[in-house]
Protein backbone atom coordinates (compact mmCIF):
# COMPACT_ATOMS: atom_id res chain seq x y z
CA MET A 1 157.76 107.78 159.08
CA PHE A 2 156.00 110.86 157.72
CA VAL A 3 154.91 112.28 154.38
CA ASP A 4 156.14 115.43 152.67
CA LEU A 5 154.01 117.92 150.75
CA SER A 6 154.32 115.98 147.49
CA GLY A 7 153.31 112.67 149.05
CA ARG A 8 156.80 111.14 149.29
CA LEU A 9 157.40 109.03 152.37
CA ARG A 10 160.27 110.12 154.60
CA SER A 11 161.73 108.12 157.48
CA PHE A 12 164.41 107.91 160.12
CA TYR A 13 165.19 105.21 162.66
CA ILE A 14 165.29 105.41 166.45
CA PRO A 15 165.93 102.79 169.14
CA LYS A 16 162.92 101.28 170.87
CA ASP A 17 163.60 103.11 174.14
CA MET A 18 163.02 106.48 172.40
CA LYS A 19 159.46 105.67 171.35
CA ASP A 20 157.93 107.55 174.30
CA GLU A 21 159.91 110.66 173.38
CA LEU A 22 158.60 110.46 169.80
CA TYR A 23 155.00 110.40 171.09
CA ASN A 24 155.36 112.90 173.95
CA ASP A 25 157.74 115.67 172.90
CA GLY A 26 158.56 114.67 169.34
CA ILE A 27 161.97 114.53 167.69
CA GLU A 28 163.63 117.48 165.99
CA ILE A 29 164.68 117.25 162.33
CA ASP A 30 165.97 119.58 159.60
CA GLY A 31 162.83 120.93 157.93
CA TYR A 32 164.78 123.00 155.41
CA SER A 33 166.00 119.84 153.66
CA ILE A 34 162.39 118.82 152.97
CA ASN A 35 160.64 121.12 150.48
CA GLY A 36 157.97 123.33 151.98
CA TYR A 37 158.53 122.80 155.70
CA ALA A 38 161.05 125.48 156.73
CA HIS A 39 163.48 128.23 155.70
CA ILE A 40 167.19 127.75 156.33
CA ASP A 41 167.18 130.42 159.08
CA GLU A 42 164.27 128.66 160.86
CA SER A 43 164.96 125.10 159.85
CA ASP A 44 163.98 123.07 162.93
CA VAL A 45 160.65 121.23 162.89
CA ILE A 46 159.29 118.50 165.16
CA VAL A 47 158.24 115.00 164.12
CA LYS A 48 155.63 113.63 166.56
CA GLY A 49 154.32 110.07 166.61
CA LEU A 50 150.66 109.56 165.71
CA LYS A 51 150.02 105.84 165.18
CA GLU A 52 152.17 102.72 165.23
CA TYR A 53 151.93 99.76 162.90
CA TYR A 54 153.40 96.43 163.87
CA GLY A 55 152.81 92.75 163.15
CA PRO A 56 154.70 89.48 162.67
CA ASN A 57 155.28 90.34 159.00
CA THR A 58 156.25 94.00 159.43
CA LEU A 59 159.76 93.25 158.20
CA ASP A 60 161.91 93.86 161.31
CA ASN A 61 160.84 97.37 162.34
CA MET A 62 157.80 98.90 163.99
CA ILE A 63 156.50 101.73 161.80
CA VAL A 64 155.30 104.84 163.61
CA PHE A 65 153.33 107.16 161.34
CA SER A 66 154.06 110.70 162.42
CA ARG A 67 153.08 114.30 161.82
CA ILE A 68 155.06 117.55 161.52
CA LEU A 69 154.82 120.33 164.11
CA LYS A 70 156.29 123.84 163.91
CA ASP A 71 157.36 123.44 167.53
CA LYS A 72 156.27 121.26 170.44
CA SER A 73 152.97 123.10 170.90
CA LYS A 74 152.11 124.46 167.45
CA HIS A 75 150.76 122.74 164.33
CA HIS A 76 152.71 123.20 161.12
CA PRO A 77 150.36 124.84 158.57
CA CYS A 78 151.81 122.71 155.77
CA ASP A 79 151.61 119.39 157.60
CA PRO A 80 149.34 117.33 155.28
CA ILE A 81 147.60 115.70 158.25
CA TYR A 82 146.78 119.10 159.76
CA VAL A 83 145.52 120.35 156.39
CA LEU A 84 143.05 117.45 156.28
CA GLU A 85 142.08 117.88 159.95
CA ARG A 86 141.06 121.48 159.32
CA ILE A 87 138.51 120.65 156.63
CA LEU A 88 137.22 117.64 158.60
CA GLU A 89 136.48 120.02 161.47
CA LYS A 90 134.27 122.09 159.13
CA TYR A 91 132.22 118.97 158.39
CA ARG A 92 131.94 118.14 162.10
CA HIS A 93 130.47 121.59 162.68
CA LEU A 94 127.71 120.55 160.25
CA GLY A 95 127.19 117.34 162.23
CA LEU A 96 128.75 115.25 159.46
CA GLU A 97 131.31 112.45 159.63
CA VAL A 98 133.38 111.63 156.54
CA ARG A 99 134.19 108.06 155.54
CA VAL A 100 136.65 107.15 152.80
CA GLY A 101 137.74 103.92 151.16
CA VAL A 102 140.37 103.53 148.43
CA GLU A 103 141.33 101.05 145.71
CA PRO A 104 145.13 101.22 145.22
CA GLU A 105 146.57 99.65 142.06
CA PHE A 106 150.20 98.71 141.41
CA TYR A 107 152.32 96.62 139.07
CA ILE A 108 154.62 93.74 140.04
CA VAL A 109 157.59 93.96 137.67
CA ARG A 110 161.14 92.80 137.02
CA SER A 111 164.06 94.85 135.74
CA ILE A 112 165.30 93.83 132.30
CA GLU A 113 169.04 94.38 131.79
CA GLY A 114 169.12 96.74 134.73
CA HIS A 115 166.82 99.46 133.39
CA ASP A 116 163.63 98.46 131.53
CA LEU A 117 160.72 97.28 133.68
CA LYS A 118 158.54 94.43 132.51
CA PRO A 119 155.38 93.01 134.14
CA ILE A 120 155.94 89.57 135.63
CA ASP A 121 152.89 87.90 134.07
CA ASN A 122 150.43 88.26 131.18
CA ALA A 123 147.30 87.69 133.24
CA SER A 124 144.21 89.93 133.12
CA TYR A 125 141.37 91.05 135.39
CA MET A 126 140.71 88.59 138.25
CA CYS A 127 142.52 85.88 136.27
CA ALA A 128 142.77 82.66 138.29
CA SER A 129 145.81 81.54 136.31
CA GLU A 130 147.95 84.54 137.26
CA SER A 131 151.65 84.15 137.99
CA ARG A 132 152.31 82.28 141.21
CA LEU A 133 154.80 84.97 142.24
CA VAL A 134 152.33 87.82 141.69
CA TYR A 135 149.75 85.94 143.77
CA LYS A 136 152.24 85.19 146.56
CA ILE A 137 153.43 88.81 146.76
CA ARG A 138 149.88 90.19 146.85
CA MET A 139 148.79 87.58 149.42
CA LYS A 140 151.80 88.38 151.61
CA VAL A 141 150.97 92.09 151.42
CA ALA A 142 147.32 91.44 152.34
CA GLU A 143 148.29 89.21 155.28
CA THR A 144 150.83 91.77 156.51
CA LEU A 145 148.28 94.59 156.37
CA GLN A 146 145.76 92.54 158.34
CA ASP A 147 148.42 91.60 160.91
CA MET A 148 149.02 95.33 161.35
CA GLY A 149 145.33 95.97 162.01
CA ILE A 150 144.49 97.36 158.56
CA SER A 151 141.11 96.11 157.28
CA ILE A 152 140.95 95.14 153.62
CA GLU A 153 137.88 94.23 151.61
CA LYS A 154 139.38 92.16 148.81
CA HIS A 155 142.43 91.84 146.59
CA HIS A 156 142.85 90.52 143.06
CA HIS A 157 144.73 90.69 139.77
CA GLU A 158 143.84 93.82 137.81
CA VAL A 159 143.37 94.47 134.07
CA GLY A 160 147.05 95.03 133.23
CA PRO A 161 149.65 92.24 133.14
CA GLY A 162 151.27 91.97 136.56
CA GLN A 163 148.85 94.60 137.90
CA CYS A 164 147.18 94.17 141.30
CA GLU A 165 144.55 95.88 143.40
CA ILE A 166 143.96 95.77 147.15
CA ASN A 167 140.74 97.39 148.37
CA PHE A 168 140.45 99.03 151.80
CA ARG A 169 137.26 99.14 153.85
CA HIS A 170 135.91 102.65 154.34
CA SER A 171 137.15 104.42 157.45
CA ASP A 172 138.16 107.80 158.85
CA PRO A 173 140.00 109.76 156.10
CA ILE A 174 143.18 110.23 158.15
CA GLU A 175 143.35 106.53 158.97
CA THR A 176 142.66 105.58 155.34
CA ALA A 177 145.42 107.92 154.12
CA MET A 178 147.94 106.46 156.58
CA ASN A 179 146.92 102.91 155.68
CA PHE A 180 147.42 103.59 151.97
CA LEU A 181 150.93 104.95 152.52
CA ILE A 182 151.76 101.96 154.75
CA LEU A 183 150.55 99.71 151.91
CA LYS A 184 152.99 101.37 149.50
CA ILE A 185 156.07 100.88 151.65
CA ILE A 186 155.13 97.34 152.73
CA THR A 187 154.38 96.27 149.14
CA LYS A 188 157.72 97.56 147.87
CA ARG A 189 159.63 95.83 150.68
CA ILE A 190 157.86 92.52 150.22
CA ALA A 191 158.28 92.56 146.43
CA ILE A 192 162.04 93.16 146.75
CA ASN A 193 162.38 90.42 149.36
CA MET A 194 160.68 88.02 146.93
CA GLY A 195 162.88 88.90 143.95
CA ALA A 196 160.64 91.43 142.18
CA MET A 197 159.71 95.12 142.33
CA ALA A 198 156.43 96.97 142.84
CA THR A 199 155.69 100.25 141.09
CA PHE A 200 152.94 102.71 141.98
CA MET A 201 153.83 105.07 139.12
CA PRO A 202 150.55 106.40 137.64
CA LYS A 203 151.39 105.27 134.08
CA PRO A 204 154.46 102.98 133.97
CA PHE A 205 153.50 101.45 130.60
CA SER A 206 151.90 103.34 127.70
CA GLU A 207 150.21 100.20 126.36
CA TYR A 208 148.63 99.08 129.65
CA PRO A 209 146.20 100.65 132.16
CA GLY A 210 147.57 103.14 134.67
CA ASN A 211 147.58 102.79 138.45
CA GLY A 212 144.51 104.49 139.85
CA LEU A 213 143.53 105.23 143.43
CA HIS A 214 139.76 105.35 143.15
CA VAL A 215 138.36 107.20 146.16
CA HIS A 216 135.00 106.10 147.60
CA ILE A 217 133.48 108.73 149.84
CA SER A 218 130.30 109.15 151.88
CA LEU A 219 129.02 111.48 154.58
CA TRP A 220 127.33 110.21 157.73
CA LYS A 221 125.04 111.86 160.28
CA SER A 222 124.05 110.21 163.57
CA ASP A 223 125.38 106.85 162.34
CA GLU A 224 123.24 106.98 159.19
CA ASN A 225 124.50 107.37 155.64
CA ALA A 226 123.61 110.96 154.67
CA PHE A 227 124.10 110.16 150.96
CA TYR A 228 121.28 107.60 150.92
CA ASN A 229 117.84 108.36 149.51
CA SER A 230 115.47 105.49 148.74
CA GLU A 231 113.81 107.48 145.92
CA ASN A 232 116.88 108.93 144.18
CA VAL A 233 120.46 108.01 143.31
CA LEU A 234 121.66 110.22 146.17
CA SER A 235 120.18 112.46 148.84
CA ASP A 236 120.12 116.21 148.20
CA LEU A 237 123.21 116.51 150.38
CA GLY A 238 124.98 113.86 148.31
CA LEU A 239 123.98 115.50 145.04
CA TYR A 240 125.21 118.92 146.18
CA PHE A 241 128.50 117.41 147.40
CA MET A 242 128.99 115.67 144.05
CA GLY A 243 127.97 118.89 142.28
CA GLY A 244 130.83 120.73 143.97
CA VAL A 245 133.38 118.06 143.02
CA LEU A 246 132.22 118.22 139.39
CA GLU A 247 131.90 122.02 139.20
CA TYR A 248 135.46 122.47 140.46
CA ALA A 249 136.92 119.38 138.81
CA LYS A 250 139.48 121.35 136.80
CA PRO A 251 141.26 123.06 139.75
CA LEU A 252 140.71 119.93 141.87
CA THR A 253 142.62 117.75 139.39
CA VAL A 254 146.05 119.06 140.42
CA PHE A 255 145.53 117.56 143.89
CA LEU A 256 144.41 114.21 142.46
CA ALA A 257 146.97 113.97 139.66
CA GLN A 258 150.05 115.53 141.20
CA THR A 259 152.84 114.48 138.80
CA ILE A 260 153.68 114.96 135.13
CA ASN A 261 153.30 111.21 134.64
CA SER A 262 149.77 111.37 136.10
CA TYR A 263 148.45 113.02 132.93
CA ARG A 264 149.64 110.13 130.77
CA ARG A 265 147.11 108.05 132.68
CA LEU A 266 144.25 110.52 132.10
CA ARG A 267 143.73 109.51 128.49
CA PRO A 268 140.75 107.83 126.77
CA GLU A 269 140.22 104.09 127.33
CA PHE A 270 141.63 101.92 130.12
CA GLU A 271 138.76 103.17 132.35
CA ALA A 272 140.57 106.47 133.10
CA PRO A 273 138.48 109.66 133.34
CA VAL A 274 138.89 112.40 130.74
CA VAL A 275 135.51 114.17 130.87
CA ILE A 276 133.84 115.94 133.81
CA SER A 277 130.89 113.60 134.21
CA TRP A 278 129.07 111.13 136.43
CA GLY A 279 126.92 108.07 135.94
CA LEU A 280 125.50 104.94 137.53
CA SER A 281 127.89 101.98 137.25
CA ASN A 282 129.68 103.86 134.44
CA ARG A 283 133.45 103.33 134.54
CA SER A 284 134.11 105.79 131.72
CA THR A 285 132.96 108.76 133.84
CA MET A 286 134.91 110.85 136.34
CA ILE A 287 132.49 109.91 139.12
CA ARG A 288 130.73 106.57 139.34
CA ILE A 289 127.83 105.84 141.65
CA PRO A 290 127.78 102.10 142.39
CA GLU A 291 124.28 100.66 142.04
CA ILE A 292 123.97 99.29 145.56
CA ALA A 293 120.65 98.86 147.35
CA SER A 294 121.82 98.85 150.99
CA PRO A 295 121.73 102.32 152.63
CA GLU A 296 125.05 101.91 154.44
CA LYS A 297 126.93 101.38 151.15
CA ARG A 298 125.65 104.41 149.21
CA ARG A 299 128.66 106.46 148.11
CA ILE A 300 130.37 108.15 145.18
CA GLU A 301 133.55 106.88 143.56
CA ILE A 302 135.95 109.56 142.28
CA ARG A 303 138.12 107.95 139.61
CA THR A 304 140.62 110.75 138.88
CA PRO A 305 143.20 110.10 141.65
CA ASP A 306 146.27 107.95 141.09
CA THR A 307 148.69 106.20 143.40
CA ALA A 308 151.29 109.01 143.34
CA VAL A 309 149.05 111.41 145.29
CA ASN A 310 149.53 112.70 148.77
CA PRO A 311 146.31 111.12 150.09
CA PHE A 312 145.83 113.60 152.95
CA ILE A 313 145.88 116.46 150.44
CA ALA A 314 143.74 114.64 147.86
CA PHE A 315 141.04 113.95 150.47
CA ALA A 316 141.21 117.51 151.81
CA ALA A 317 140.81 119.01 148.33
CA ILE A 318 137.85 116.74 147.49
CA LEU A 319 136.18 117.75 150.75
CA CYS A 320 136.77 121.46 150.02
CA ALA A 321 135.09 121.15 146.61
CA GLY A 322 132.29 119.06 148.10
CA LEU A 323 131.66 121.59 150.87
CA GLU A 324 131.47 124.37 148.28
CA GLY A 325 128.84 122.30 146.49
CA ILE A 326 126.84 121.84 149.69
CA ASN A 327 127.02 125.52 150.62
CA LYS A 328 126.04 126.68 147.12
CA LYS A 329 123.61 123.78 146.44
CA ILE A 330 125.31 123.01 143.13
CA ASP A 331 123.17 120.83 140.86
CA PRO A 332 125.19 117.98 139.24
CA TRP A 333 122.59 116.82 136.72
CA GLU A 334 124.10 118.64 133.72
CA TYR A 335 127.14 116.36 134.07
CA LYS A 336 125.11 113.12 134.07
CA THR A 337 125.65 110.56 131.30
CA ASP A 338 124.53 106.98 130.71
CA GLU A 339 126.81 106.45 127.73
CA ASN A 340 130.38 105.40 127.07
CA ILE A 341 132.29 108.69 127.33
CA TYR A 342 135.02 107.48 124.99
CA ALA A 343 132.55 107.09 122.11
CA HIS A 344 131.64 110.80 122.07
CA LYS A 345 133.31 114.17 121.60
CA PHE A 346 132.94 116.89 124.21
CA SER A 347 133.69 120.60 124.25
CA LYS A 348 136.96 121.65 125.90
CA ASP A 349 135.16 123.11 128.91
CA ARG A 350 133.97 119.59 129.82
CA LEU A 351 137.43 118.02 129.59
CA LEU A 352 139.74 117.46 132.53
CA PRO A 353 143.13 119.23 132.35
CA SER A 354 145.64 117.43 130.14
CA SER A 355 148.82 118.51 131.93
CA LEU A 356 150.15 119.48 135.34
CA GLU A 357 150.78 123.01 134.08
CA GLU A 358 147.17 123.39 132.94
CA SER A 359 145.89 122.06 136.28
CA LEU A 360 148.00 124.57 138.20
CA GLU A 361 146.58 127.41 136.10
CA PHE A 362 143.03 126.37 137.02
CA LEU A 363 144.02 126.20 140.70
CA GLU A 364 145.43 129.74 140.54
CA ASP A 365 142.03 130.93 139.28
CA HIS A 366 140.05 129.09 141.99
CA ARG A 367 142.14 129.35 145.15
CA ASP A 368 139.11 130.50 147.12
CA VAL A 369 137.44 127.07 146.76
CA PHE A 370 140.34 125.53 148.68
CA SER A 371 140.80 128.32 151.23
CA TYR A 372 140.44 125.90 154.16
CA MET A 373 143.78 124.37 153.13
CA GLY A 374 145.45 127.63 154.19
CA GLU A 375 149.01 128.55 153.26
CA PHE A 376 149.66 124.99 152.12
CA ILE A 377 148.27 126.08 148.73
CA ASP A 378 151.11 128.57 148.18
CA LYS A 379 153.78 126.03 149.09
CA PHE A 380 152.14 123.35 146.95
CA ILE A 381 152.05 125.59 143.86
CA GLU A 382 155.63 126.72 144.49
CA ILE A 383 156.88 123.12 144.63
CA LYS A 384 154.91 121.99 141.58
CA MET A 385 156.13 124.95 139.52
CA GLU A 386 159.78 124.05 140.15
């Protein structure tokens, strides 16, 4: 299994006795048939195994998460994993390790008369009287993830009817991205096997909250949290990193909200961000800093991303903006608010983009911020403009 430039999972099946070949030499596929990977006159690319997931509840097949190579010895510049690896290497040169945790949300639904989707229950946030089926599906997903070696922090019913959330413990960004994509495919399989469906669409229902993928991120140096400062909300490093994410929030948005449907989620209310802002324990802002005393848990939560993203690319783009903030020592305090964002009006320059088209325009004007992502940027824009 591997992911394309837009974040869609792709897969093919091989017999067990070919696993070593997948890890050692890789297996050739037609890259031209997958947007962004190859031209028709140079269509061959290599899929090479990276990490396998297996457990008693894996649903018949071992899953091997894989990457794309241009040939057996050369990285593909548009492989999302390689794009993320490149920016992580820049942080390592600064002596910094990146840790990321995510909070994926999804709806458990049924099809009505073959087309309309309807949530299975009418329960609300952390409701103990949720539908038995919703609980059983979510519990089965959580158990399956743990059997596969994926660490979760907690899971519960979310605000919307039939909506769930499963929180991952923070980890290496590449591992977190793979784990999230494994969650998506496992959840969909389990839901179908139990007579329902799971949707990760950013905004499947206009009247209910969207499906966010809140990203919790921190930087570490010599096994200590480099965002922690006992006398301030964040260390100087943490403030500069956050300053970069806020300063370049407009061009960054296209990597965090990658579909047309994503922008139906980025509307006032339902705890979705609409204004470039940050605050302590403020769920109306774009960035929330959880009020946590312990040094090892100090982090920022970026609330823009949704569950349709390519997580490798979303993390890479956040890290590019954050690195720009560190290098330029960008002060984030002008974006600070202690108030409910939805109760106030803001000038247009403080608002997040309201459409995919607008986001792409901002990216065109700020390509230099994301230069570490290389030629992937050109392919990404080309695909999104189609």
